C-alpha atoms as a PDB file:
ATOM      1  CA  MET A   1     -89.311  31.851 -15.307  1.00  0.00           C
ATOM      2  CA  GLY A   2     -90.265  30.460 -18.616  1.00  0.00           C
ATOM      3  CA  ARG A   3     -90.923  33.937 -19.924  1.00  0.00           C
ATOM      4  CA  LYS A   4     -87.476  35.261 -19.106  1.00  0.00           C
ATOM      5  CA  ASP A   5     -85.772  32.357 -20.788  1.00  0.00           C
ATOM      6  CA  SER A   6     -87.887  32.611 -23.931  1.00  0.00           C
ATOM      7  CA  SER A   7     -87.245  36.351 -24.406  1.00  0.00           C
ATOM      8  CA  LYS A   8     -83.474  35.924 -24.651  1.00  0.00           C
ATOM      9  CA  ASP A   9     -81.720  34.378 -27.614  1.00  0.00           C
ATOM     10  CA  VAL A  10     -81.282  30.676 -27.318  1.00  0.00           C
ATOM     11  CA  PRO A  11     -77.622  29.591 -27.548  1.00  0.00           C
ATOM     12  CA  VAL A  12     -78.454  27.541 -30.620  1.00  0.00           C
ATOM     13  CA  ASP A  13     -79.767  30.676 -32.361  1.00  0.00           C
ATOM     14  CA  ASN A  14     -76.616  32.581 -31.434  1.00  0.00           C
ATOM     15  CA  TYR A  15     -74.527  29.754 -32.822  1.00  0.00           C
ATOM     16  CA  ARG A  16     -76.509  29.782 -36.080  1.00  0.00           C
ATOM     17  CA  LYS A  17     -76.071  33.546 -36.382  1.00  0.00           C
ATOM     18  CA  GLN A  18     -72.315  33.240 -35.905  1.00  0.00           C
ATOM     19  CA  ILE A  19     -72.096  30.529 -38.526  1.00  0.00           C
ATOM     20  CA  GLY A  20     -74.161  32.667 -40.902  1.00  0.00           C
ATOM     21  CA  LYS A  21     -71.821  35.613 -40.395  1.00  0.00           C
ATOM     22  CA  GLN A  22     -68.793  33.437 -41.084  1.00  0.00           C
ATOM     23  CA  ASP A  23     -70.374  32.080 -44.257  1.00  0.00           C
ATOM     24  CA  HIS A  24     -71.171  35.615 -45.361  1.00  0.00           C
ATOM     25  CA  LYS A  25     -67.583  36.658 -44.767  1.00  0.00           C
ATOM     26  CA  LYS A  26     -66.343  33.716 -46.800  1.00  0.00           C
ATOM     27  CA  SER A  27     -68.685  34.493 -49.620  1.00  0.00           C
ATOM     28  CA  LYS A  28     -67.508  38.133 -49.672  1.00  0.00           C
ATOM     29  CA  ALA A  29     -63.905  36.983 -50.041  1.00  0.00           C
ATOM     30  CA  GLU A  30     -64.913  34.541 -52.740  1.00  0.00           C
ATOM     31  CA  MET A  31     -66.860  37.253 -54.541  1.00  0.00           C
ATOM     32  CA  LYS A  32     -63.804  39.496 -54.494  1.00  0.00           C
ATOM     33  CA  GLU A  33     -61.737  36.712 -56.044  1.00  0.00           C
ATOM     34  CA  ILE A  34     -64.375  36.074 -58.691  1.00  0.00           C
ATOM     35  CA  LYS A  35     -64.583  39.791 -59.526  1.00  0.00           C
ATOM     36  CA  ALA A  36     -60.799  40.027 -59.758  1.00  0.00           C
ATOM     37  CA  LYS A  37     -60.677  37.068 -62.155  1.00  0.00           C
ATOM     38  CA  ALA A  38     -63.464  38.570 -64.266  1.00  0.00           C
ATOM     39  CA  GLN A  39     -61.634  41.896 -64.497  1.00  0.00           C
ATOM     40  CA  VAL A  40     -58.446  40.146 -65.590  1.00  0.00           C
ATOM     41  CA  LYS A  41     -60.353  38.297 -68.314  1.00  0.00           C
ATOM     42  CA  LYS A  42     -62.074  41.506 -69.363  1.00  0.00           C
ATOM     43  CA  GLY A  43     -58.708  43.256 -69.580  1.00  0.00           C
ATOM     44  CA  GLU A  44     -57.337  40.477 -71.759  1.00  0.00           C
ATOM     45  CA  ASN A  45     -60.321  40.726 -74.083  1.00  0.00           C
ATOM     46  CA  LEU A  46     -59.887  44.489 -74.339  1.00  0.00           C
ATOM     47  CA  LEU A  47     -56.217  44.079 -75.145  1.00  0.00           C
ATOM     48  CA  MET A  48     -56.923  41.559 -77.906  1.00  0.00           C
ATOM     49  CA  ARG A  49     -59.694  43.776 -79.286  1.00  0.00           C
ATOM     50  CA  ASP A  50     -57.390  46.805 -79.341  1.00  0.00           C
ATOM     51  CA  ILE A  51     -54.608  44.874 -81.054  1.00  0.00           C
ATOM     52  CA  SER A  52     -56.956  43.465 -83.689  1.00  0.00           C
ATOM     53  CA  MET A  53     -58.466  46.904 -84.353  1.00  0.00           C
ATOM     54  CA  LEU A  54     -54.997  48.408 -84.734  1.00  0.00           C
ATOM     55  CA  LEU A  55     -53.922  45.705 -87.181  1.00  0.00           C
ATOM     56  CA  GLY A  56     -57.176  46.107 -89.091  1.00  0.00           C
ATOM     57  CA  PHE A  57     -56.700  49.864 -89.457  1.00  0.00           C
ATOM     58  CA  ILE A  58     -53.106  49.416 -90.576  1.00  0.00           C
ATOM     59  CA  GLY A  59     -54.251  46.880 -93.176  1.00  0.00           C
ATOM     60  CA  LEU A  60     -57.004  49.203 -94.351  1.00  0.00           C
ATOM     61  CA  ILE A  61     -54.601  52.130 -94.740  1.00  0.00           C
ATOM     62  CA  MET A  62     -52.106  49.973 -96.639  1.00  0.00           C
ATOM     63  CA  SER A  63     -54.875  48.732 -98.948  1.00  0.00           C
ATOM     64  CA  VAL A  64     -56.040  52.266 -99.702  1.00  0.00           C
ATOM     65  CA  VAL A  65     -52.479  53.414-100.424  1.00  0.00           C
ATOM     66  CA  TYR A  66     -51.946  50.375-102.666  1.00  0.00           C
ATOM     67  CA  LEU A  67     -55.132  51.065-104.650  1.00  0.00           C
ATOM     68  CA  ILE A  68     -54.257  54.743-105.073  1.00  0.00           C
ATOM     69  CA  LEU A  69     -50.786  53.880-106.328  1.00  0.00           C
ATOM     70  CA  TYR A  70     -52.131  51.127-108.598  1.00  0.00           C
ATOM     71  CA  PHE A  71     -54.658  53.368-110.308  1.00  0.00           C
ATOM     72  CA  TYR A  72     -52.216  56.287-110.504  1.00  0.00           C
ATOM     73  CA  LEU A  73     -49.501  54.170-112.118  1.00  0.00           C
ATOM     74  CA  ASP A  74     -52.027  52.412-114.363  1.00  0.00           C
ATOM     75  CA  PHE A  75     -53.359  55.774-115.502  1.00  0.00           C
ATOM     76  CA  LYS A  76     -49.798  56.952-116.132  1.00  0.00           C
ATOM     77  CA  ALA A  77     -49.049  53.819-118.177  1.00  0.00           C
ATOM     78  CA  ILE A  78     -52.151  54.386-120.305  1.00  0.00           C
ATOM     79  CA  GLN A  79     -51.106  57.953-121.003  1.00  0.00           C
ATOM     80  CA  MET A  80     -47.590  56.856-122.009  1.00  0.00           C
ATOM     81  CA  ALA A  81     -49.039  54.219-124.346  1.00  0.00           C
ATOM     82  CA  LYS A  82     -51.147  56.836-126.117  1.00  0.00           C
ATOM     83  CA  LYS A  83     -48.073  58.934-126.922  1.00  0.00           C
END
Protein backbone atom coordinates (compact mmCIF):
# COMPACT_ATOMS: atom_id res chain seq x y z
CA MET A 1 0.00 0.00 0.00
CA GLY A 2 2.76 2.37 0.75
CA ARG A 3 4.03 2.06 -2.79
CA LYS A 4 0.76 3.07 -4.41
CA ASP A 5 0.43 6.13 -2.24
CA SER A 6 4.01 7.26 -2.87
CA SER A 7 3.73 6.99 -6.67
CA LYS A 8 0.86 9.48 -6.89
CA ASP A 9 1.24 13.19 -6.32
CA VAL A 10 0.76 14.21 -2.76
CA PRO A 11 -2.02 16.80 -2.32
CA VAL A 12 0.51 19.23 -0.90
CA ASP A 13 2.56 18.97 -4.11
CA ASN A 14 -0.54 19.57 -6.22
CA TYR A 15 -1.35 22.60 -4.12
CA ARG A 16 2.19 23.96 -4.57
CA LYS A 17 1.97 23.43 -8.33
CA GLN A 18 -1.32 25.32 -8.50
CA ILE A 19 0.10 28.19 -6.50
CA GLY A 20 3.15 28.25 -8.78
CA LYS A 21 0.93 28.42 -11.86
CA GLN A 22 -1.05 31.29 -10.37
CA ASP A 23 2.13 33.19 -9.54
CA HIS A 24 3.38 32.62 -13.07
CA LYS A 25 0.14 33.96 -14.48
CA LYS A 26 0.40 37.04 -12.29
CA SER A 27 3.95 37.64 -13.31
CA LYS A 28 2.99 37.38 -17.01
CA ALA A 29 0.34 40.06 -16.53
CA GLU A 30 2.79 42.21 -14.62
CA MET A 31 5.40 41.74 -17.34
CA LYS A 32 2.89 42.87 -19.95
CA GLU A 33 2.20 46.01 -17.93
CA ILE A 34 5.90 46.70 -17.51
CA LYS A 35 6.52 46.22 -21.24
CA ALA A 36 3.62 48.52 -22.09
CA LYS A 37 5.00 51.24 -19.80
CA ALA A 38 8.47 50.84 -21.29
CA GLN A 39 7.10 51.19 -24.82
CA VAL A 40 5.22 54.34 -23.86
CA LYS A 41 8.40 55.83 -22.40
CA LYS A 42 10.37 54.78 -25.46
CA GLY A 43 7.78 56.43 -27.71
CA GLU A 44 8.02 59.64 -25.72
CA ASN A 45 11.80 59.64 -26.03
CA LEU A 46 11.55 59.08 -29.78
CA LEU A 47 9.10 61.93 -30.12
CA MET A 48 11.35 64.33 -28.20
CA ARG A 49 14.37 63.19 -30.22
CA ASP A 50 12.51 63.75 -33.50
CA ILE A 51 11.33 67.20 -32.44
CA SER A 52 14.81 68.25 -31.32
CA MET A 53 16.37 66.96 -34.55
CA LEU A 54 13.80 68.86 -36.61
CA LEU A 55 14.44 72.09 -34.71
CA GLY A 56 18.18 71.57 -35.03
CA PHE A 57 17.97 71.12 -38.80
CA ILE A 58 15.77 74.18 -39.17
CA GLY A 59 18.27 76.20 -37.13
CA LEU A 60 21.15 74.89 -39.21
CA ILE A 61 19.42 75.79 -42.48
CA MET A 62 18.58 79.27 -41.20
CA SER A 63 22.20 79.78 -40.11
CA VAL A 64 23.54 78.74 -43.50
CA VAL A 65 21.10 81.05 -45.31
CA TYR A 66 22.05 83.90 -42.96
CA LEU A 67 25.78 83.40 -43.59
CA ILE A 68 25.29 83.24 -47.35
CA LEU A 69 23.27 86.45 -47.33
CA TYR A 70 25.74 88.16 -44.98
CA PHE A 71 28.76 87.41 -47.14
CA TYR A 72 26.88 88.19 -50.36
CA LEU A 73 25.70 91.57 -49.09
CA ASP A 74 29.09 92.31 -47.52
CA PHE A 75 30.79 91.51 -50.81
CA LYS A 76 28.30 93.74 -52.62
CA ALA A 77 28.96 96.59 -50.17
CA ILE A 78 32.71 96.28 -50.72
CA GLN A 79 32.25 96.46 -54.47
CA MET A 80 30.04 99.57 -54.17
CA ALA A 81 32.64 101.24 -51.93
CA LYS A 82 35.35 100.68 -54.53
CA LYS A 83 33.34 102.51 -57.19
